[in-house]
Amino acid sequence: MPITQAQIEKIVSLARSYGATRLILFGSIIEKPTEARDVDIACDGVAGWKLYELAARIEEELHTPLDLVPLSPPSRFTRYIESKGKILI
């Protein structure tokens, strides 16, 4: 399930509308796109329930399962995402 440029642009547009300051695509969609079953995104700048609302909006728009995780507070996992992921914002 490779992700298209149009889908990336839609994700970025929606994330910006929710106030995202950083957005990183990571996981199988980057490492093995033909084997990916979902889209993994890490986000900064969207707090609380708005993060879940954003995730639901992206899933609805893409018709694809999505995992959206916060980049704050920093952790070993978020540092891994930052080092291996594709920065969108």
PDB file of N, CA and C in Angstrom:
ATOM      1  N   MET A   1       0.834  -1.181   0.000  1.00  0.00           N
ATOM      2  CA  MET A   1       0.000   0.000   0.000  1.00  0.00           C
ATOM      3  C   MET A   1       0.882   1.248   0.000  1.00  0.00           C
ATOM      4  N   PRO A   2       1.558   1.529  -1.080  1.00  0.00           N
ATOM      5  CA  PRO A   2       2.346   2.758  -1.140  1.00  0.00           C
ATOM      6  C   PRO A   2       1.449   3.990  -0.996  1.00  0.00           C
ATOM      7  N   ILE A   3       2.002   5.038  -0.441  1.00  0.00           N
ATOM      8  CA  ILE A   3       1.249   6.277  -0.258  1.00  0.00           C
ATOM      9  C   ILE A   3       1.575   7.220  -1.407  1.00  0.00           C
ATOM     10  N   THR A   4       0.569   7.885  -1.927  1.00  0.00           N
ATOM     11  CA  THR A   4       0.765   8.777  -3.062  1.00  0.00           C
ATOM     12  C   THR A   4       1.105  10.189  -2.578  1.00  0.00           C
ATOM     13  N   GLN A   5       1.643  10.978  -3.488  1.00  0.00           N
ATOM     14  CA  GLN A   5       1.953  12.380  -3.161  1.00  0.00           C
ATOM     15  C   GLN A   5       0.669  13.134  -2.824  1.00  0.00           C
ATOM     16  N   ALA A   6      -0.413  12.836  -3.519  1.00  0.00           N
ATOM     17  CA  ALA A   6      -1.700  13.490  -3.238  1.00  0.00           C
ATOM     18  C   ALA A   6      -2.172  13.170  -1.822  1.00  0.00           C
ATOM     19  N   GLN A   7      -1.981  11.935  -1.377  1.00  0.00           N
ATOM     20  CA  GLN A   7      -2.361  11.567  -0.013  1.00  0.00           C
ATOM     21  C   GLN A   7      -1.487  12.291   1.010  1.00  0.00           C
ATOM     22  N   ILE A   8      -0.200  12.395   0.731  1.00  0.00           N
ATOM     23  CA  ILE A   8       0.691  13.125   1.635  1.00  0.00           C
ATOM     24  C   ILE A   8       0.267  14.583   1.735  1.00  0.00           C
ATOM     25  N   GLU A   9      -0.050  15.189   0.598  1.00  0.00           N
ATOM     26  CA  GLU A   9      -0.485  16.582   0.597  1.00  0.00           C
ATOM     27  C   GLU A   9      -1.768  16.763   1.393  1.00  0.00           C
ATOM     28  N   LYS A  10      -2.692  15.804   1.311  1.00  0.00           N
ATOM     29  CA  LYS A  10      -3.939  15.872   2.070  1.00  0.00           C
ATOM     30  C   LYS A  10      -3.653  15.766   3.571  1.00  0.00           C
ATOM     31  N   ILE A  11      -2.767  14.851   3.952  1.00  0.00           N
ATOM     32  CA  ILE A  11      -2.387  14.687   5.358  1.00  0.00           C
ATOM     33  C   ILE A  11      -1.787  15.983   5.887  1.00  0.00           C
ATOM     34  N   VAL A  12      -0.863  16.566   5.137  1.00  0.00           N
ATOM     35  CA  VAL A  12      -0.205  17.809   5.557  1.00  0.00           C
ATOM     36  C   VAL A  12      -1.227  18.934   5.689  1.00  0.00           C
ATOM     37  N   SER A  13      -2.112  19.040   4.736  1.00  0.00           N
ATOM     38  CA  SER A  13      -3.133  20.087   4.769  1.00  0.00           C
ATOM     39  C   SER A  13      -4.028  19.953   6.005  1.00  0.00           C
ATOM     40  N   LEU A  14      -4.502  18.750   6.264  1.00  0.00           N
ATOM     41  CA  LEU A  14      -5.348  18.531   7.438  1.00  0.00           C
ATOM     42  C   LEU A  14      -4.576  18.807   8.728  1.00  0.00           C
ATOM     43  N   ALA A  15      -3.338  18.326   8.806  1.00  0.00           N
ATOM     44  CA  ALA A  15      -2.534  18.527  10.010  1.00  0.00           C
ATOM     45  C   ALA A  15      -2.304  20.011  10.263  1.00  0.00           C
ATOM     46  N   ARG A  16      -2.002  20.746   9.229  1.00  0.00           N
ATOM     47  CA  ARG A  16      -1.810  22.197   9.394  1.00  0.00           C
ATOM     48  C   ARG A  16      -3.086  22.876   9.866  1.00  0.00           C
ATOM     49  N   SER A  17      -4.238  22.418   9.372  1.00  0.00           N
ATOM     50  CA  SER A  17      -5.505  23.027   9.786  1.00  0.00           C
ATOM     51  C   SER A  17      -5.789  22.793  11.268  1.00  0.00           C
ATOM     52  N   TYR A  18      -5.146  21.780  11.857  1.00  0.00           N
ATOM     53  CA  TYR A  18      -5.283  21.501  13.285  1.00  0.00           C
ATOM     54  C   TYR A  18      -4.148  22.119  14.101  1.00  0.00           C
ATOM     55  N   GLY A  19      -3.236  22.812  13.432  1.00  0.00           N
ATOM     56  CA  GLY A  19      -2.151  23.490  14.135  1.00  0.00           C
ATOM     57  C   GLY A  19      -0.862  22.705  14.264  1.00  0.00           C
ATOM     58  N   ALA A  20      -0.701  21.636  13.501  1.00  0.00           N
ATOM     59  CA  ALA A  20       0.519  20.827  13.593  1.00  0.00           C
ATOM     60  C   ALA A  20       1.741  21.665  13.247  1.00  0.00           C
ATOM     61  N   THR A  21       2.782  21.515  14.072  1.00  0.00           N
ATOM     62  CA  THR A  21       4.036  22.226  13.841  1.00  0.00           C
ATOM     63  C   THR A  21       5.118  21.291  13.301  1.00  0.00           C
ATOM     64  N   ARG A  22       4.957  20.008  13.549  1.00  0.00           N
ATOM     65  CA  ARG A  22       5.855  18.983  12.992  1.00  0.00           C
ATOM     66  C   ARG A  22       5.022  17.776  12.645  1.00  0.00           C
ATOM     67  N   LEU A  23       5.402  17.111  11.556  1.00  0.00           N
ATOM     68  CA  LEU A  23       4.690  15.919  11.104  1.00  0.00           C
ATOM     69  C   LEU A  23       5.715  14.999  10.446  1.00  0.00           C
ATOM     70  N   ILE A  24       5.780  13.764  10.909  1.00  0.00           N
ATOM     71  CA  ILE A  24       6.771  12.820  10.395  1.00  0.00           C
ATOM     72  C   ILE A  24       6.079  11.511  10.032  1.00  0.00           C
ATOM     73  N   LEU A  25       6.284  11.081   8.806  1.00  0.00           N
ATOM     74  CA  LEU A  25       5.802   9.789   8.322  1.00  0.00           C
ATOM     75  C   LEU A  25       6.858   8.753   8.684  1.00  0.00           C
ATOM     76  N   PHE A  26       6.450   7.624   9.257  1.00  0.00           N
ATOM     77  CA  PHE A  26       7.422   6.621   9.681  1.00  0.00           C
ATOM     78  C   PHE A  26       6.834   5.229   9.579  1.00  0.00           C
ATOM     79  N   GLY A  27       7.659   4.248   9.896  1.00  0.00           N
ATOM     80  CA  GLY A  27       7.189   2.870   9.954  1.00  0.00           C
ATOM     81  C   GLY A  27       7.218   2.171   8.610  1.00  0.00           C
ATOM     82  N   SER A  28       6.373   1.158   8.496  1.00  0.00           N
ATOM     83  CA  SER A  28       6.382   0.292   7.312  1.00  0.00           C
ATOM     84  C   SER A  28       6.067   1.045   6.020  1.00  0.00           C
ATOM     85  N   ILE A  29       5.314   2.122   6.109  1.00  0.00           N
ATOM     86  CA  ILE A  29       4.974   2.892   4.909  1.00  0.00           C
ATOM     87  C   ILE A  29       6.239   3.508   4.283  1.00  0.00           C
ATOM     88  N   ILE A  30       7.278   3.692   5.104  1.00  0.00           N
ATOM     89  CA  ILE A  30       8.569   4.202   4.634  1.00  0.00           C
ATOM     90  C   ILE A  30       9.505   3.040   4.308  1.00  0.00           C
ATOM     91  N   GLU A  31       9.560   2.071   5.209  1.00  0.00           N
ATOM     92  CA  GLU A  31      10.537   0.989   5.099  1.00  0.00           C
ATOM     93  C   GLU A  31      10.153  -0.082   4.080  1.00  0.00           C
ATOM     94  N   LYS A  32       8.887  -0.473   4.057  1.00  0.00           N
ATOM     95  CA  LYS A  32       8.407  -1.516   3.142  1.00  0.00           C
ATOM     96  C   LYS A  32       7.005  -1.139   2.648  1.00  0.00           C
ATOM     97  N   PRO A  33       6.896  -0.130   1.787  1.00  0.00           N
ATOM     98  CA  PRO A  33       5.580   0.388   1.403  1.00  0.00           C
ATOM     99  C   PRO A  33       4.628  -0.645   0.807  1.00  0.00           C
ATOM    100  N   THR A  34       5.140  -1.619   0.083  1.00  0.00           N
ATOM    101  CA  THR A  34       4.248  -2.611  -0.528  1.00  0.00           C
ATOM    102  C   THR A  34       3.667  -3.568   0.506  1.00  0.00           C
ATOM    103  N   GLU A  35       4.285  -3.644   1.675  1.00  0.00           N
ATOM    104  CA  GLU A  35       3.797  -4.519   2.742  1.00  0.00           C
ATOM    105  C   GLU A  35       3.020  -3.775   3.826  1.00  0.00           C
ATOM    106  N   ALA A  36       2.988  -2.449   3.757  1.00  0.00           N
ATOM    107  CA  ALA A  36       2.341  -1.640   4.798  1.00  0.00           C
ATOM    108  C   ALA A  36       0.838  -1.887   4.822  1.00  0.00           C
ATOM    109  N   ARG A  37       0.303  -1.984   6.024  1.00  0.00           N
ATOM    110  CA  ARG A  37      -1.139  -2.160   6.203  1.00  0.00           C
ATOM    111  C   ARG A  37      -1.804  -0.916   6.768  1.00  0.00           C
ATOM    112  N   ASP A  38      -0.969   0.027   7.210  1.00  0.00           N
ATOM    113  CA  ASP A  38      -1.492   1.280   7.737  1.00  0.00           C
ATOM    114  C   ASP A  38      -0.477   2.386   7.509  1.00  0.00           C
ATOM    115  N   VAL A  39      -0.851   3.588   7.877  1.00  0.00           N
ATOM    116  CA  VAL A  39       0.022   4.749   7.775  1.00  0.00           C
ATOM    117  C   VAL A  39       0.362   5.172   9.194  1.00  0.00           C
ATOM    118  N   ASP A  40       1.663   5.345   9.465  1.00  0.00           N
ATOM    119  CA  ASP A  40       2.128   5.779  10.784  1.00  0.00           C
ATOM    120  C   ASP A  40       2.638   7.204  10.668  1.00  0.00           C
ATOM    121  N   ILE A  41       2.102   8.088  11.511  1.00  0.00           N
ATOM    122  CA  ILE A  41       2.485   9.493  11.503  1.00  0.00           C
ATOM    123  C   ILE A  41       2.708   9.946  12.942  1.00  0.00           C
ATOM    124  N   ALA A  42       3.759  10.750  13.126  1.00  0.00           N
ATOM    125  CA  ALA A  42       4.014  11.386  14.420  1.00  0.00           C
ATOM    126  C   ALA A  42       3.790  12.881  14.240  1.00  0.00           C
ATOM    127  N   CYS A  43       3.217  13.507  15.265  1.00  0.00           N
ATOM    128  CA  CYS A  43       2.766  14.890  15.141  1.00  0.00           C
ATOM    129  C   CYS A  43       3.118  15.684  16.387  1.00  0.00           C
ATOM    130  N   ASP A  44       3.424  16.959  16.181  1.00  0.00           N
ATOM    131  CA  ASP A  44       3.634  17.899  17.269  1.00  0.00           C
ATOM    132  C   ASP A  44       2.750  19.110  17.020  1.00  0.00           C
ATOM    133  N   GLY A  45       2.281  19.735  18.082  1.00  0.00           N
ATOM    134  CA  GLY A  45       1.492  20.950  17.952  1.00  0.00           C
ATOM    135  C   GLY A  45      -0.010  20.745  18.050  1.00  0.00           C
ATOM    136  N   VAL A  46      -0.452  19.505  18.109  1.00  0.00           N
ATOM    137  CA  VAL A  46      -1.885  19.217  18.240  1.00  0.00           C
ATOM    138  C   VAL A  46      -2.067  18.495  19.573  1.00  0.00           C
ATOM    139  N   ALA A  47      -2.770  19.128  20.477  1.00  0.00           N
ATOM    140  CA  ALA A  47      -2.849  18.615  21.844  1.00  0.00           C
ATOM    141  C   ALA A  47      -4.185  17.932  22.146  1.00  0.00           C
ATOM    142  N   GLY A  48      -4.116  17.064  23.140  1.00  0.00           N
ATOM    143  CA  GLY A  48      -5.315  16.441  23.701  1.00  0.00           C
ATOM    144  C   GLY A  48      -6.180  15.722  22.684  1.00  0.00           C
ATOM    145  N   TRP A  49      -7.488  15.923  22.843  1.00  0.00           N
ATOM    146  CA  TRP A  49      -8.457  15.230  22.002  1.00  0.00           C
ATOM    147  C   TRP A  49      -8.390  15.651  20.547  1.00  0.00           C
ATOM    148  N   LYS A  50      -7.835  16.826  20.280  1.00  0.00           N
ATOM    149  CA  LYS A  50      -7.708  17.286  18.896  1.00  0.00           C
ATOM    150  C   LYS A  50      -6.817  16.337  18.083  1.00  0.00           C
ATOM    151  N   LEU A  51      -5.840  15.714  18.746  1.00  0.00           N
ATOM    152  CA  LEU A  51      -4.981  14.749  18.065  1.00  0.00           C
ATOM    153  C   LEU A  51      -5.810  13.564  17.572  1.00  0.00           C
ATOM    154  N   TYR A  52      -6.732  13.088  18.395  1.00  0.00           N
ATOM    155  CA  TYR A  52      -7.593  11.966  18.008  1.00  0.00           C
ATOM    156  C   TYR A  52      -8.579  12.386  16.920  1.00  0.00           C
ATOM    157  N   GLU A  53      -9.059  13.610  17.015  1.00  0.00           N
ATOM    158  CA  GLU A  53      -9.954  14.134  15.989  1.00  0.00           C
ATOM    159  C   GLU A  53      -9.230  14.217  14.646  1.00  0.00           C
ATOM    160  N   LEU A  54      -7.993  14.697  14.671  1.00  0.00           N
ATOM    161  CA  LEU A  54      -7.186  14.764  13.459  1.00  0.00           C
ATOM    162  C   LEU A  54      -6.979  13.371  12.873  1.00  0.00           C
ATOM    163  N   ALA A  55      -6.650  12.405  13.700  1.00  0.00           N
ATOM    164  CA  ALA A  55      -6.457  11.029  13.234  1.00  0.00           C
ATOM    165  C   ALA A  55      -7.713  10.512  12.535  1.00  0.00           C
ATOM    166  N   ALA A  56      -8.868  10.761  13.124  1.00  0.00           N
ATOM    167  CA  ALA A  56     -10.132  10.312  12.529  1.00  0.00           C
ATOM    168  C   ALA A  56     -10.368  10.983  11.183  1.00  0.00           C
ATOM    169  N   ARG A  57     -10.087  12.278  11.095  1.00  0.00           N
ATOM    170  CA  ARG A  57     -10.268  13.005   9.829  1.00  0.00           C
ATOM    171  C   ARG A  57      -9.362  12.451   8.731  1.00  0.00           C
ATOM    172  N   ILE A  58      -8.096  12.177   9.086  1.00  0.00           N
ATOM    173  CA  ILE A  58      -7.166  11.649   8.090  1.00  0.00           C
ATOM    174  C   ILE A  58      -7.619  10.268   7.629  1.00  0.00           C
ATOM    175  N   GLU A  59      -8.033   9.415   8.572  1.00  0.00           N
ATOM    176  CA  GLU A  59      -8.528   8.078   8.203  1.00  0.00           C
ATOM    177  C   GLU A  59      -9.719   8.178   7.261  1.00  0.00           C
ATOM    178  N   GLU A  60     -10.645   9.089   7.562  1.00  0.00           N
ATOM    179  CA  GLU A  60     -11.824   9.267   6.717  1.00  0.00           C
ATOM    180  C   GLU A  60     -11.441   9.721   5.313  1.00  0.00           C
ATOM    181  N   GLU A  61     -10.512  10.642   5.227  1.00  0.00           N
ATOM    182  CA  GLU A  61     -10.096  11.180   3.932  1.00  0.00           C
ATOM    183  C   GLU A  61      -9.334  10.154   3.095  1.00  0.00           C
ATOM    184  N   LEU A  62      -8.446   9.397   3.734  1.00  0.00           N
ATOM    185  CA  LEU A  62      -7.602   8.453   3.002  1.00  0.00           C
ATOM    186  C   LEU A  62      -8.230   7.078   2.829  1.00  0.00           C
ATOM    187  N   HIS A  63      -9.251   6.774   3.635  1.00  0.00           N
ATOM    188  CA  HIS A  63      -9.852   5.437   3.643  1.00  0.00           C
ATOM    189  C   HIS A  63      -8.793   4.378   3.924  1.00  0.00           C
ATOM    190  N   THR A  64      -7.907   4.703   4.869  1.00  0.00           N
ATOM    191  CA  THR A  64      -6.777   3.850   5.213  1.00  0.00           C
ATOM    192  C   THR A  64      -6.575   3.867   6.720  1.00  0.00           C
ATOM    193  N   PRO A  65      -6.279   2.717   7.332  1.00  0.00           N
ATOM    194  CA  PRO A  65      -5.976   2.710   8.767  1.00  0.00           C
ATOM    195  C   PRO A  65      -4.771   3.607   9.070  1.00  0.00           C
ATOM    196  N   LEU A  66      -4.822   4.280  10.214  1.00  0.00           N
ATOM    197  CA  LEU A  66      -3.806   5.253  10.572  1.00  0.00           C
ATOM    198  C   LEU A  66      -3.439   5.129  12.036  1.00  0.00           C
ATOM    199  N   ASP A  67      -2.141   5.261  12.322  1.00  0.00           N
ATOM    200  CA  ASP A  67      -1.664   5.414  13.692  1.00  0.00           C
ATOM    201  C   ASP A  67      -1.050   6.799  13.772  1.00  0.00           C
ATOM    202  N   LEU A  68      -1.570   7.635  14.660  1.00  0.00           N
ATOM    203  CA  LEU A  68      -1.058   8.987  14.848  1.00  0.00           C
ATOM    204  C   LEU A  68      -0.574   9.099  16.278  1.00  0.00           C
ATOM    205  N   VAL A  69       0.712   9.375  16.446  1.00  0.00           N
ATOM    206  CA  VAL A  69       1.303   9.451  17.781  1.00  0.00           C
ATOM    207  C   VAL A  69       1.882  10.843  18.010  1.00  0.00           C
ATOM    208  N   PRO A  70       1.876  11.308  19.255  1.00  0.00           N
ATOM    209  CA  PRO A  70       2.463  12.614  19.556  1.00  0.00           C
ATOM    210  C   PRO A  70       3.990  12.529  19.613  1.00  0.00           C
ATOM    211  N   LEU A  71       4.655  13.598  19.213  1.00  0.00           N
ATOM    212  CA  LEU A  71       6.108  13.680  19.315  1.00  0.00           C
ATOM    213  C   LEU A  71       6.569  14.238  20.663  1.00  0.00           C
ATOM    214  N   SER A  72       5.647  14.759  21.438  1.00  0.00           N
ATOM    215  CA  SER A  72       5.970  15.305  22.761  1.00  0.00           C
ATOM    216  C   SER A  72       5.175  14.554  23.809  1.00  0.00           C
ATOM    217  N   PRO A  73       5.789  14.245  24.918  1.00  0.00           N
ATOM    218  CA  PRO A  73       7.162  14.541  25.316  1.00  0.00           C
ATOM    219  C   PRO A  73       8.152  13.625  24.590  1.00  0.00           C
ATOM    220  N   PRO A  74       9.387  14.102  24.435  1.00  0.00           N
ATOM    221  CA  PRO A  74      10.412  13.305  23.765  1.00  0.00           C
ATOM    222  C   PRO A  74      10.682  11.990  24.508  1.00  0.00           C
ATOM    223  N   SER A  75      10.971  10.972  23.741  1.00  0.00           N
ATOM    224  CA  SER A  75      11.279   9.659  24.312  1.00  0.00           C
ATOM    225  C   SER A  75      12.229   8.930  23.360  1.00  0.00           C
ATOM    226  N   ARG A  76      12.646   7.765  23.728  1.00  0.00           N
ATOM    227  CA  ARG A  76      13.479   6.959  22.843  1.00  0.00           C
ATOM    228  C   ARG A  76      12.726   6.663  21.542  1.00  0.00           C
ATOM    229  N   PHE A  77      11.426   6.403  21.663  1.00  0.00           N
ATOM    230  CA  PHE A  77      10.608   6.116  20.489  1.00  0.00           C
ATOM    231  C   PHE A  77      10.519   7.333  19.563  1.00  0.00           C
ATOM    232  N   THR A  78      10.268   8.524  20.109  1.00  0.00           N
ATOM    233  CA  THR A  78      10.158   9.711  19.257  1.00  0.00           C
ATOM    234  C   THR A  78      11.501  10.060  18.626  1.00  0.00           C
ATOM    235  N   ARG A  79      12.591   9.820  19.327  1.00  0.00           N
ATOM    236  CA  ARG A  79      13.917  10.061  18.737  1.00  0.00           C
ATOM    237  C   ARG A  79      14.166   9.088  17.579  1.00  0.00           C
ATOM    238  N   TYR A  80      13.692   7.857  17.719  1.00  0.00           N
ATOM    239  CA  TYR A  80      13.798   6.883  16.634  1.00  0.00           C
ATOM    240  C   TYR A  80      12.997   7.367  15.414  1.00  0.00           C
ATOM    241  N   ILE A  81      11.780   7.820  15.657  1.00  0.00           N
ATOM    242  CA  ILE A  81      10.931   8.335  14.579  1.00  0.00           C
ATOM    243  C   ILE A  81      11.625   9.497  13.875  1.00  0.00           C
ATOM    244  N   GLU A  82      12.181  10.406  14.651  1.00  0.00           N
ATOM    245  CA  GLU A  82      12.860  11.570  14.080  1.00  0.00           C
ATOM    246  C   GLU A  82      14.068  11.172  13.230  1.00  0.00           C
ATOM    247  N   SER A  83      14.742  10.108  13.628  1.00  0.00           N
ATOM    248  CA  SER A  83      15.944   9.688  12.893  1.00  0.00           C
ATOM    249  C   SER A  83      15.630   8.871  11.645  1.00  0.00           C
ATOM    250  N   LYS A  84      14.526   8.135  11.636  1.00  0.00           N
ATOM    251  CA  LYS A  84      14.214   7.220  10.531  1.00  0.00           C
ATOM    252  C   LYS A  84      13.069   7.691   9.638  1.00  0.00           C
ATOM    253  N   GLY A  85      12.253   8.596  10.133  1.00  0.00           N
ATOM    254  CA  GLY A  85      11.057   8.989   9.385  1.00  0.00           C
ATOM    255  C   GLY A  85      11.300  10.023   8.314  1.00  0.00           C
ATOM    256  N   LYS A  86      10.238  10.279   7.560  1.00  0.00           N
ATOM    257  CA  LYS A  86      10.257  11.295   6.500  1.00  0.00           C
ATOM    258  C   LYS A  86       9.515  12.522   7.017  1.00  0.00           C
ATOM    259  N   ILE A  87      10.223  13.637   7.123  1.00  0.00           N
ATOM    260  CA  ILE A  87       9.625  14.868   7.658  1.00  0.00           C
ATOM    261  C   ILE A  87       8.685  15.453   6.609  1.00  0.00           C
ATOM    262  N   LEU A  88       7.439  15.687   7.027  1.00  0.00           N
ATOM    263  CA  LEU A  88       6.437  16.281   6.136  1.00  0.00           C
ATOM    264  C   LEU A  88       6.235  17.757   6.442  1.00  0.00           C
ATOM    265  N   ILE A  89       6.348  18.105   7.728  1.00  0.00           N
ATOM    266  CA  ILE A  89       6.286  19.518   8.177  1.00  0.00           C
ATOM    267  C   ILE A  89       7.448  19.690   9.143  1.00  0.00           C
TER     268      ILE A  89
END
